[in-house]
């Protein structure tokens, strides 16, 4: 049952990654592009966390625990760092859109 929730988390993270990547490519505003890119990387980090936990549950061995722990730590670090960066760029997205729509 736990595995099902982790697989759903993996799929949702992958869908959000693809969604934000397509939004990034379709945007023409530079700060908005960076904001979408960082949101996509947050989704990719959460995918790493879900995948690491899922592998630890499916294949309980020492090697899997080590590799899964690396995935989880890398995912948490990725989510934490890019959350701060996306929060920083998020302050300027509305301002950038207001400036470019008024011209």
PDB file of N, CA and C in Angstrom:
ATOM      1  N   UNK A   1       0.821  -1.197   0.000  1.00  0.00           N
ATOM      2  CA  UNK A   1       0.000   0.000   0.000  1.00  0.00           C
ATOM      3  C   UNK A   1       0.864   1.259   0.000  1.00  0.00           C
ATOM      4  N   UNK A   2       1.946   1.235   0.790  1.00  0.00           N
ATOM      5  CA  UNK A   2       2.855   2.383   0.823  1.00  0.00           C
ATOM      6  C   UNK A   2       3.502   2.567  -0.539  1.00  0.00           C
ATOM      7  N   UNK A   3       3.808   1.433  -1.191  1.00  0.00           N
ATOM      8  CA  UNK A   3       4.428   1.490  -2.504  1.00  0.00           C
ATOM      9  C   UNK A   3       3.528   2.206  -3.503  1.00  0.00           C
ATOM     10  N   UNK A   4       2.234   2.002  -3.406  1.00  0.00           N
ATOM     11  CA  UNK A   4       1.288   2.660  -4.309  1.00  0.00           C
ATOM     12  C   UNK A   4       1.346   4.177  -4.153  1.00  0.00           C
ATOM     13  N   UNK A   5       1.394   4.655  -2.916  1.00  0.00           N
ATOM     14  CA  UNK A   5       1.478   6.101  -2.685  1.00  0.00           C
ATOM     15  C   UNK A   5       2.799   6.668  -3.201  1.00  0.00           C
ATOM     16  N   UNK A   6       3.873   5.903  -3.058  1.00  0.00           N
ATOM     17  CA  UNK A   6       5.163   6.370  -3.560  1.00  0.00           C
ATOM     18  C   UNK A   6       5.182   6.420  -5.084  1.00  0.00           C
ATOM     19  N   UNK A   7       4.583   5.431  -5.726  1.00  0.00           N
ATOM     20  CA  UNK A   7       4.504   5.437  -7.190  1.00  0.00           C
ATOM     21  C   UNK A   7       3.648   6.605  -7.664  1.00  0.00           C
ATOM     22  N   UNK A   8       2.554   6.874  -6.974  1.00  0.00           N
ATOM     23  CA  UNK A   8       1.721   8.033  -7.319  1.00  0.00           C
ATOM     24  C   UNK A   8       2.526   9.321  -7.141  1.00  0.00           C
ATOM     25  N   UNK A   9       3.321   9.407  -6.077  1.00  0.00           N
ATOM     26  CA  UNK A   9       4.183  10.570  -5.870  1.00  0.00           C
ATOM     27  C   UNK A   9       5.212  10.723  -6.974  1.00  0.00           C
ATOM     28  N   UNK A  10       5.783   9.603  -7.428  1.00  0.00           N
ATOM     29  CA  UNK A  10       6.757   9.637  -8.525  1.00  0.00           C
ATOM     30  C   UNK A  10       6.093  10.140  -9.801  1.00  0.00           C
ATOM     31  N   UNK A  11       4.917   9.617 -10.105  1.00  0.00           N
ATOM     32  CA  UNK A  11       4.213  10.013 -11.332  1.00  0.00           C
ATOM     33  C   UNK A  11       3.809  11.486 -11.275  1.00  0.00           C
ATOM     34  N   UNK A  12       3.281  11.921 -10.146  1.00  0.00           N
ATOM     35  CA  UNK A  12       2.873  13.328 -10.014  1.00  0.00           C
ATOM     36  C   UNK A  12       4.086  14.250 -10.126  1.00  0.00           C
ATOM     37  N   UNK A  13       5.202  13.865  -9.530  1.00  0.00           N
ATOM     38  CA  UNK A  13       6.420  14.675  -9.633  1.00  0.00           C
ATOM     39  C   UNK A  13       6.893  14.763 -11.074  1.00  0.00           C
ATOM     40  N   UNK A  14       6.847  13.647 -11.793  1.00  0.00           N
ATOM     41  CA  UNK A  14       7.263  13.651 -13.194  1.00  0.00           C
ATOM     42  C   UNK A  14       6.338  14.516 -14.042  1.00  0.00           C
ATOM     43  N   UNK A  15       5.040  14.453 -13.776  1.00  0.00           N
ATOM     44  CA  UNK A  15       4.078  15.270 -14.532  1.00  0.00           C
ATOM     45  C   UNK A  15       4.322  16.756 -14.272  1.00  0.00           C
ATOM     46  N   UNK A  16       4.535  17.118 -13.004  1.00  0.00           N
ATOM     47  CA  UNK A  16       4.814  18.522 -12.699  1.00  0.00           C
ATOM     48  C   UNK A  16       6.139  18.974 -13.316  1.00  0.00           C
ATOM     49  N   UNK A  17       7.131  18.085 -13.344  1.00  0.00           N
ATOM     50  CA  UNK A  17       8.402  18.427 -13.985  1.00  0.00           C
ATOM     51  C   UNK A  17       8.173  18.749 -15.460  1.00  0.00           C
ATOM     52  N   UNK A  18       7.448  17.889 -16.156  1.00  0.00           N
ATOM     53  CA  UNK A  18       7.174  18.137 -17.575  1.00  0.00           C
ATOM     54  C   UNK A  18       6.326  19.388 -17.777  1.00  0.00           C
ATOM     55  N   UNK A  19       5.362  19.616 -16.900  1.00  0.00           N
ATOM     56  CA  UNK A  19       4.510  20.802 -16.994  1.00  0.00           C
ATOM     57  C   UNK A  19       5.343  22.082 -16.873  1.00  0.00           C
ATOM     58  N   UNK A  20       6.189  22.144 -15.846  1.00  0.00           N
ATOM     59  CA  UNK A  20       6.978  23.359 -15.647  1.00  0.00           C
ATOM     60  C   UNK A  20       8.040  23.526 -16.730  1.00  0.00           C
ATOM     61  N   UNK A  21       8.575  22.431 -17.256  1.00  0.00           N
ATOM     62  CA  UNK A  21       9.544  22.541 -18.347  1.00  0.00           C
ATOM     63  C   UNK A  21       8.882  23.087 -19.607  1.00  0.00           C
ATOM     64  N   UNK A  22       7.667  22.630 -19.910  1.00  0.00           N
ATOM     65  CA  UNK A  22       6.996  23.170 -21.092  1.00  0.00           C
ATOM     66  C   UNK A  22       6.624  24.635 -20.886  1.00  0.00           C
ATOM     67  N   UNK A  23       6.214  24.997 -19.664  1.00  0.00           N
ATOM     68  CA  UNK A  23       5.930  26.407 -19.379  1.00  0.00           C
ATOM     69  C   UNK A  23       7.203  27.246 -19.526  1.00  0.00           C
ATOM     70  N   UNK A  24       8.339  26.681 -19.115  1.00  0.00           N
ATOM     71  CA  UNK A  24       9.608  27.397 -19.241  1.00  0.00           C
ATOM     72  C   UNK A  24       9.937  27.648 -20.712  1.00  0.00           C
ATOM     73  N   UNK A  25       9.789  26.632 -21.555  1.00  0.00           N
ATOM     74  CA  UNK A  25      10.123  26.788 -22.964  1.00  0.00           C
ATOM     75  C   UNK A  25       9.157  27.717 -23.685  1.00  0.00           C
ATOM     76  N   UNK A  26       7.917  27.770 -23.242  1.00  0.00           N
ATOM     77  CA  UNK A  26       6.927  28.617 -23.902  1.00  0.00           C
ATOM     78  C   UNK A  26       6.989  30.072 -23.464  1.00  0.00           C
ATOM     79  N   UNK A  27       7.606  30.335 -22.331  1.00  0.00           N
ATOM     80  CA  UNK A  27       7.675  31.704 -21.829  1.00  0.00           C
ATOM     81  C   UNK A  27       8.776  32.472 -22.551  1.00  0.00           C
ATOM     82  N   UNK A  28       8.524  33.748 -22.791  1.00  0.00           N
ATOM     83  CA  UNK A  28       9.530  34.583 -23.444  1.00  0.00           C
ATOM     84  C   UNK A  28      10.204  35.542 -22.465  1.00  0.00           C
ATOM     85  N   UNK A  29       9.688  35.629 -21.251  1.00  0.00           N
ATOM     86  CA  UNK A  29      10.235  36.547 -20.257  1.00  0.00           C
ATOM     87  C   UNK A  29      11.350  35.853 -19.470  1.00  0.00           C
ATOM     88  N   UNK A  30      12.515  36.486 -19.326  1.00  0.00           N
ATOM     89  CA  UNK A  30      13.669  35.796 -18.727  1.00  0.00           C
ATOM     90  C   UNK A  30      13.491  35.387 -17.263  1.00  0.00           C
ATOM     91  N   UNK A  31      12.924  36.250 -16.443  1.00  0.00           N
ATOM     92  CA  UNK A  31      12.770  35.897 -15.028  1.00  0.00           C
ATOM     93  C   UNK A  31      11.692  34.832 -14.867  1.00  0.00           C
ATOM     94  N   UNK A  32      10.650  34.916 -15.663  1.00  0.00           N
ATOM     95  CA  UNK A  32       9.608  33.892 -15.623  1.00  0.00           C
ATOM     96  C   UNK A  32      10.172  32.542 -16.059  1.00  0.00           C
ATOM     97  N   UNK A  33      11.058  32.553 -17.062  1.00  0.00           N
ATOM     98  CA  UNK A  33      11.714  31.315 -17.489  1.00  0.00           C
ATOM     99  C   UNK A  33      12.514  30.701 -16.347  1.00  0.00           C
ATOM    100  N   UNK A  34      13.274  31.532 -15.644  1.00  0.00           N
ATOM    101  CA  UNK A  34      14.073  31.027 -14.523  1.00  0.00           C
ATOM    102  C   UNK A  34      13.180  30.499 -13.405  1.00  0.00           C
ATOM    103  N   UNK A  35      12.065  31.182 -13.160  1.00  0.00           N
ATOM    104  CA  UNK A  35      11.144  30.743 -12.117  1.00  0.00           C
ATOM    105  C   UNK A  35      10.559  29.374 -12.455  1.00  0.00           C
ATOM    106  N   UNK A  36      10.134  29.193 -13.714  1.00  0.00           N
ATOM    107  CA  UNK A  36       9.596  27.896 -14.127  1.00  0.00           C
ATOM    108  C   UNK A  36      10.677  26.815 -14.100  1.00  0.00           C
ATOM    109  N   UNK A  37      11.903  27.162 -14.486  1.00  0.00           N
ATOM    110  CA  UNK A  37      12.994  26.181 -14.451  1.00  0.00           C
ATOM    111  C   UNK A  37      13.258  25.710 -13.026  1.00  0.00           C
ATOM    112  N   UNK A  38      13.230  26.632 -12.080  1.00  0.00           N
ATOM    113  CA  UNK A  38      13.461  26.251 -10.688  1.00  0.00           C
ATOM    114  C   UNK A  38      12.298  25.451 -10.124  1.00  0.00           C
ATOM    115  N   UNK A  39      11.086  25.770 -10.533  1.00  0.00           N
ATOM    116  CA  UNK A  39       9.936  24.969 -10.098  1.00  0.00           C
ATOM    117  C   UNK A  39      10.050  23.541 -10.650  1.00  0.00           C
ATOM    118  N   UNK A  40      10.540  23.414 -11.887  1.00  0.00           N
ATOM    119  CA  UNK A  40      10.736  22.085 -12.467  1.00  0.00           C
ATOM    120  C   UNK A  40      11.789  21.302 -11.681  1.00  0.00           C
ATOM    121  N   UNK A  41      12.840  21.980 -11.250  1.00  0.00           N
ATOM    122  CA  UNK A  41      13.885  21.297 -10.485  1.00  0.00           C
ATOM    123  C   UNK A  41      13.402  20.907  -9.092  1.00  0.00           C
ATOM    124  N   UNK A  42      12.473  21.656  -8.526  1.00  0.00           N
ATOM    125  CA  UNK A  42      11.855  21.249  -7.256  1.00  0.00           C
ATOM    126  C   UNK A  42      11.098  19.936  -7.467  1.00  0.00           C
ATOM    127  N   UNK A  43      10.371  19.840  -8.562  1.00  0.00           N
ATOM    128  CA  UNK A  43       9.644  18.605  -8.869  1.00  0.00           C
ATOM    129  C   UNK A  43      10.602  17.442  -9.092  1.00  0.00           C
ATOM    130  N   UNK A  44      11.722  17.713  -9.745  1.00  0.00           N
ATOM    131  CA  UNK A  44      12.713  16.665  -9.974  1.00  0.00           C
ATOM    132  C   UNK A  44      13.331  16.195  -8.658  1.00  0.00           C
ATOM    133  N   UNK A  45      13.558  17.113  -7.736  1.00  0.00           N
ATOM    134  CA  UNK A  45      14.073  16.743  -6.418  1.00  0.00           C
ATOM    135  C   UNK A  45      13.089  15.886  -5.647  1.00  0.00           C
ATOM    136  N   UNK A  46      11.808  16.229  -5.727  1.00  0.00           N
ATOM    137  CA  UNK A  46      10.806  15.407  -5.039  1.00  0.00           C
ATOM    138  C   UNK A  46      10.706  14.028  -5.686  1.00  0.00           C
ATOM    139  N   UNK A  47      10.910  13.948  -6.998  1.00  0.00           N
ATOM    140  CA  UNK A  47      10.934  12.656  -7.663  1.00  0.00           C
ATOM    141  C   UNK A  47      12.082  11.807  -7.124  1.00  0.00           C
ATOM    142  N   UNK A  48      13.242  12.409  -6.913  1.00  0.00           N
ATOM    143  CA  UNK A  48      14.376  11.678  -6.340  1.00  0.00           C
ATOM    144  C   UNK A  48      14.060  11.151  -4.946  1.00  0.00           C
ATOM    145  N   UNK A  49      13.405  11.961  -4.133  1.00  0.00           N
ATOM    146  CA  UNK A  49      13.056  11.532  -2.773  1.00  0.00           C
ATOM    147  C   UNK A  49      12.093  10.346  -2.826  1.00  0.00           C
ATOM    148  N   UNK A  50      11.031  10.467  -3.616  1.00  0.00           N
ATOM    149  CA  UNK A  50      10.059   9.376  -3.719  1.00  0.00           C
ATOM    150  C   UNK A  50      10.703   8.108  -4.278  1.00  0.00           C
ATOM    151  N   UNK A  51      11.570   8.262  -5.275  1.00  0.00           N
ATOM    152  CA  UNK A  51      12.223   7.106  -5.880  1.00  0.00           C
ATOM    153  C   UNK A  51      13.161   6.425  -4.887  1.00  0.00           C
ATOM    154  N   UNK A  52      13.910   7.212  -4.126  1.00  0.00           N
ATOM    155  CA  UNK A  52      14.815   6.637  -3.130  1.00  0.00           C
ATOM    156  C   UNK A  52      14.072   5.853  -2.061  1.00  0.00           C
ATOM    157  N   UNK A  53      12.984   6.412  -1.560  1.00  0.00           N
ATOM    158  CA  UNK A  53      12.189   5.713  -0.539  1.00  0.00           C
ATOM    159  C   UNK A  53      11.563   4.451  -1.133  1.00  0.00           C
ATOM    160  N   UNK A  54      11.070   4.552  -2.362  1.00  0.00           N
ATOM    161  CA  UNK A  54      10.444   3.408  -3.020  1.00  0.00           C
ATOM    162  C   UNK A  54      11.444   2.265  -3.202  1.00  0.00           C
ATOM    163  N   UNK A  55      12.652   2.576  -3.618  1.00  0.00           N
ATOM    164  CA  UNK A  55      13.658   1.535  -3.804  1.00  0.00           C
ATOM    165  C   UNK A  55      14.048   0.884  -2.485  1.00  0.00           C
ATOM    166  N   UNK A  56      14.102   1.669  -1.416  1.00  0.00           N
ATOM    167  CA  UNK A  56      14.430   1.107  -0.106  1.00  0.00           C
ATOM    168  C   UNK A  56      13.359   0.122   0.358  1.00  0.00           C
ATOM    169  N   UNK A  57      12.109   0.404   0.025  1.00  0.00           N
ATOM    170  CA  UNK A  57      11.021  -0.494   0.429  1.00  0.00           C
ATOM    171  C   UNK A  57      10.990  -1.746  -0.450  1.00  0.00           C
ATOM    172  N   UNK A  58      11.208  -1.573  -1.761  1.00  0.00           N
ATOM    173  CA  UNK A  58      11.113  -2.709  -2.675  1.00  0.00           C
ATOM    174  C   UNK A  58      12.272  -3.695  -2.536  1.00  0.00           C
ATOM    175  N   UNK A  59      13.486  -3.188  -2.374  1.00  0.00           N
ATOM    176  CA  UNK A  59      14.676  -4.039  -2.352  1.00  0.00           C
ATOM    177  C   UNK A  59      15.466  -3.795  -1.072  1.00  0.00           C
ATOM    178  N   UNK A  60      15.090  -4.434   0.023  1.00  0.00           N
ATOM    179  CA  UNK A  60      15.777  -4.185   1.303  1.00  0.00           C
ATOM    180  C   UNK A  60      17.143  -4.883   1.377  1.00  0.00           C
ATOM    181  N   UNK A  61      18.179  -4.167   0.974  1.00  0.00           N
ATOM    182  CA  UNK A  61      19.550  -4.655   1.137  1.00  0.00           C
ATOM    183  C   UNK A  61      20.423  -3.468   1.538  1.00  0.00           C
ATOM    184  N   UNK A  62      21.610  -3.755   1.987  1.00  0.00           N
ATOM    185  CA  UNK A  62      22.508  -2.694   2.450  1.00  0.00           C
ATOM    186  C   UNK A  62      22.850  -1.730   1.325  1.00  0.00           C
ATOM    187  N   UNK A  63      23.157  -2.267   0.154  1.00  0.00           N
ATOM    188  CA  UNK A  63      23.510  -1.420  -0.983  1.00  0.00           C
ATOM    189  C   UNK A  63      22.337  -0.519  -1.378  1.00  0.00           C
ATOM    190  N   UNK A  64      21.142  -1.063  -1.368  1.00  0.00           N
ATOM    191  CA  UNK A  64      19.958  -0.266  -1.700  1.00  0.00           C
ATOM    192  C   UNK A  64      19.731   0.833  -0.675  1.00  0.00           C
ATOM    193  N   UNK A  65      19.976   0.528   0.597  1.00  0.00           N
ATOM    194  CA  UNK A  65      19.811   1.552   1.628  1.00  0.00           C
ATOM    195  C   UNK A  65      20.804   2.694   1.437  1.00  0.00           C
ATOM    196  N   UNK A  66      22.026   2.365   1.061  1.00  0.00           N
ATOM    197  CA  UNK A  66      23.039   3.410   0.850  1.00  0.00           C
ATOM    198  C   UNK A  66      22.669   4.270  -0.357  1.00  0.00           C
ATOM    199  N   UNK A  67      22.345   3.626  -1.463  1.00  0.00           N
ATOM    200  CA  UNK A  67      22.003   4.373  -2.678  1.00  0.00           C
ATOM    201  C   UNK A  67      20.693   5.136  -2.488  1.00  0.00           C
ATOM    202  N   UNK A  68      19.720   4.512  -1.842  1.00  0.00           N
ATOM    203  CA  UNK A  68      18.453   5.196  -1.564  1.00  0.00           C
ATOM    204  C   UNK A  68      18.646   6.405  -0.670  1.00  0.00           C
ATOM    205  N   UNK A  69      19.522   6.269   0.339  1.00  0.00           N
ATOM    206  CA  UNK A  69      19.808   7.410   1.219  1.00  0.00           C
ATOM    207  C   UNK A  69      20.467   8.540   0.442  1.00  0.00           C
ATOM    208  N   UNK A  70      21.354   8.200  -0.499  1.00  0.00           N
ATOM    209  CA  UNK A  70      21.966   9.237  -1.339  1.00  0.00           C
ATOM    210  C   UNK A  70      20.913   9.947  -2.190  1.00  0.00           C
ATOM    211  N   UNK A  71      20.000   9.179  -2.770  1.00  0.00           N
ATOM    212  CA  UNK A  71      18.920   9.782  -3.560  1.00  0.00           C
ATOM    213  C   UNK A  71      18.061  10.699  -2.696  1.00  0.00           C
ATOM    214  N   UNK A  72      17.733  10.233  -1.503  1.00  0.00           N
ATOM    215  CA  UNK A  72      16.882  11.032  -0.611  1.00  0.00           C
ATOM    216  C   UNK A  72      17.592  12.318  -0.201  1.00  0.00           C
ATOM    217  N   UNK A  73      18.864  12.215   0.180  1.00  0.00           N
ATOM    218  CA  UNK A  73      19.614  13.413   0.584  1.00  0.00           C
ATOM    219  C   UNK A  73      19.783  14.382  -0.582  1.00  0.00           C
ATOM    220  N   UNK A  74      20.099  13.849  -1.754  1.00  0.00           N
ATOM    221  CA  UNK A  74      20.237  14.703  -2.936  1.00  0.00           C
ATOM    222  C   UNK A  74      18.905  15.366  -3.285  1.00  0.00           C
ATOM    223  N   UNK A  75      17.815  14.614  -3.185  1.00  0.00           N
ATOM    224  CA  UNK A  75      16.490  15.168  -3.470  1.00  0.00           C
ATOM    225  C   UNK A  75      16.091  16.248  -2.486  1.00  0.00           C
ATOM    226  N   UNK A  76      16.346  16.012  -1.187  1.00  0.00           N
ATOM    227  CA  UNK A  76      16.011  17.018  -0.172  1.00  0.00           C
ATOM    228  C   UNK A  76      16.848  18.276  -0.374  1.00  0.00           C
ATOM    229  N   UNK A  77      18.125  18.093  -0.682  1.00  0.00           N
ATOM    230  CA  UNK A  77      18.981  19.252  -0.949  1.00  0.00           C
ATOM    231  C   UNK A  77      18.526  20.029  -2.171  1.00  0.00           C
ATOM    232  N   UNK A  78      18.139  19.307  -3.210  1.00  0.00           N
ATOM    233  CA  UNK A  78      17.657  19.947  -4.435  1.00  0.00           C
ATOM    234  C   UNK A  78      16.371  20.723  -4.181  1.00  0.00           C
ATOM    235  N   UNK A  79      15.436  20.098  -3.491  1.00  0.00           N
ATOM    236  CA  UNK A  79      14.162  20.770  -3.186  1.00  0.00           C
ATOM    237  C   UNK A  79      14.410  22.010  -2.334  1.00  0.00           C
ATOM    238  N   UNK A  80      15.238  21.883  -1.310  1.00  0.00           N
ATOM    239  CA  UNK A  80      15.500  23.015  -0.416  1.00  0.00           C
ATOM    240  C   UNK A  80      16.160  24.185  -1.119  1.00  0.00           C
ATOM    241  N   UNK A  81      17.193  23.882  -1.918  1.00  0.00           N
ATOM    242  CA  UNK A  81      17.916  24.963  -2.599  1.00  0.00           C
ATOM    243  C   UNK A  81      17.039  25.656  -3.640  1.00  0.00           C
ATOM    244  N   UNK A  82      16.402  24.872  -4.498  1.00  0.00           N
ATOM    245  CA  UNK A  82      15.621  25.483  -5.570  1.00  0.00           C
ATOM    246  C   UNK A  82      14.320  26.091  -5.074  1.00  0.00           C
ATOM    247  N   UNK A  83      13.860  25.680  -3.890  1.00  0.00           N
ATOM    248  CA  UNK A  83      12.704  26.343  -3.274  1.00  0.00           C
ATOM    249  C   UNK A  83      13.069  27.787  -2.950  1.00  0.00           C
ATOM    250  N   UNK A  84      14.262  27.979  -2.375  1.00  0.00           N
ATOM    251  CA  UNK A  84      14.719  29.334  -2.040  1.00  0.00           C
ATOM    252  C   UNK A  84      14.920  30.168  -3.302  1.00  0.00           C
ATOM    253  N   UNK A  85      15.503  29.551  -4.334  1.00  0.00           N
ATOM    254  CA  UNK A  85      15.747  30.284  -5.578  1.00  0.00           C
ATOM    255  C   UNK A  85      14.423  30.647  -6.256  1.00  0.00           C
ATOM    256  N   UNK A  86      13.477  29.717  -6.288  1.00  0.00           N
ATOM    257  CA  UNK A  86      12.171  30.000  -6.899  1.00  0.00           C
ATOM    258  C   UNK A  86      11.428  31.068  -6.105  1.00  0.00           C
ATOM    259  N   UNK A  87      11.571  31.043  -4.795  1.00  0.00           N
ATOM    260  CA  UNK A  87      10.944  32.075  -3.962  1.00  0.00           C
ATOM    261  C   UNK A  87      11.541  33.446  -4.281  1.00  0.00           C
ATOM    262  N   UNK A  88      12.854  33.484  -4.516  1.00  0.00           N
ATOM    263  CA  UNK A  88      13.513  34.744  -4.864  1.00  0.00           C
ATOM    264  C   UNK A  88      12.999  35.275  -6.206  1.00  0.00           C
ATOM    265  N   UNK A  89      12.962  34.410  -7.230  1.00  0.00           N
ATOM    266  CA  UNK A  89      12.492  34.845  -8.540  1.00  0.00           C
ATOM    267  C   UNK A  89      10.992  35.127  -8.540  1.00  0.00           C
ATOM    268  N   UNK A  90      10.250  34.454  -7.678  1.00  0.00           N
ATOM    269  CA  UNK A  90       8.808  34.656  -7.613  1.00  0.00           C
ATOM    270  C   UNK A  90       8.420  36.072  -7.243  1.00  0.00           C
ATOM    271  N   UNK A  91       9.306  36.769  -6.529  1.00  0.00           N
ATOM    272  CA  UNK A  91       9.032  38.157  -6.162  1.00  0.00           C
ATOM    273  C   UNK A  91       8.961  39.060  -7.386  1.00  0.00           C
ATOM    274  N   UNK A  92       9.684  38.696  -8.435  1.00  0.00           N
ATOM    275  CA  UNK A  92       9.817  39.572  -9.595  1.00  0.00           C
ATOM    276  C   UNK A  92       8.953  39.153 -10.781  1.00  0.00           C
ATOM    277  N   UNK A  93       8.286  38.016 -10.693  1.00  0.00           N
ATOM    278  CA  UNK A  93       7.514  37.512 -11.833  1.00  0.00           C
ATOM    279  C   UNK A  93       6.339  38.432 -12.155  1.00  0.00           C
ATOM    280  N   UNK A  94       5.554  38.798 -11.161  1.00  0.00           N
ATOM    281  CA  UNK A  94       4.399  39.672 -11.413  1.00  0.00           C
ATOM    282  C   UNK A  94       4.849  41.042 -11.908  1.00  0.00           C
ATOM    283  N   UNK A  95       5.932  41.535 -11.334  1.00  0.00           N
ATOM    284  CA  UNK A  95       6.459  42.834 -11.766  1.00  0.00           C
ATOM    285  C   UNK A  95       6.910  42.771 -13.221  1.00  0.00           C
ATOM    286  N   UNK A  96       7.596  41.692 -13.587  1.00  0.00           N
ATOM    287  CA  UNK A  96       8.063  41.539 -14.959  1.00  0.00           C
ATOM    288  C   UNK A  96       6.888  41.424 -15.929  1.00  0.00           C
ATOM    289  N   UNK A  97       5.871  40.683 -15.552  1.00  0.00           N
ATOM    290  CA  UNK A  97       4.700  40.544 -16.418  1.00  0.00           C
ATOM    291  C   UNK A  97       3.947  41.862 -16.547  1.00  0.00           C
ATOM    292  N   UNK A  98       3.864  42.637 -15.469  1.00  0.00           N
ATOM    293  CA  UNK A  98       3.181  43.933 -15.522  1.00  0.00           C
ATOM    294  C   UNK A  98       3.937  44.906 -16.420  1.00  0.00           C
ATOM    295  N   UNK A  99       5.249  44.889 -16.352  1.00  0.00           N
ATOM    296  CA  UNK A  99       6.058  45.784 -17.188  1.00  0.00           C
ATOM    297  C   UNK A  99       5.909  45.417 -18.658  1.00  0.00           C
ATOM    298  N   UNK A 100       5.931  44.130 -18.969  1.00  0.00           N
ATOM    299  CA  UNK A 100       5.896  43.699 -20.366  1.00  0.00           C
ATOM    300  C   UNK A 100       4.503  43.725 -20.976  1.00  0.00           C
ATOM    301  N   UNK A 101       3.453  43.677 -20.173  1.00  0.00           N
ATOM    302  CA  UNK A 101       2.105  43.762 -20.746  1.00  0.00           C
ATOM    303  C   UNK A 101       1.667  45.206 -20.943  1.00  0.00           C
ATOM    304  N   UNK A 102       2.275  46.138 -20.216  1.00  0.00           N
ATOM    305  CA  UNK A 102       1.889  47.539 -20.362  1.00  0.00           C
ATOM    306  C   UNK A 102       2.497  48.169 -21.609  1.00  0.00           C
ATOM    307  N   UNK A 103       3.540  47.550 -22.164  1.00  0.00           N
ATOM    308  CA  UNK A 103       4.187  48.113 -23.366  1.00  0.00           C
ATOM    309  C   UNK A 103       3.494  47.690 -24.615  1.00  0.00           C
TER     310      UNK A 103
END
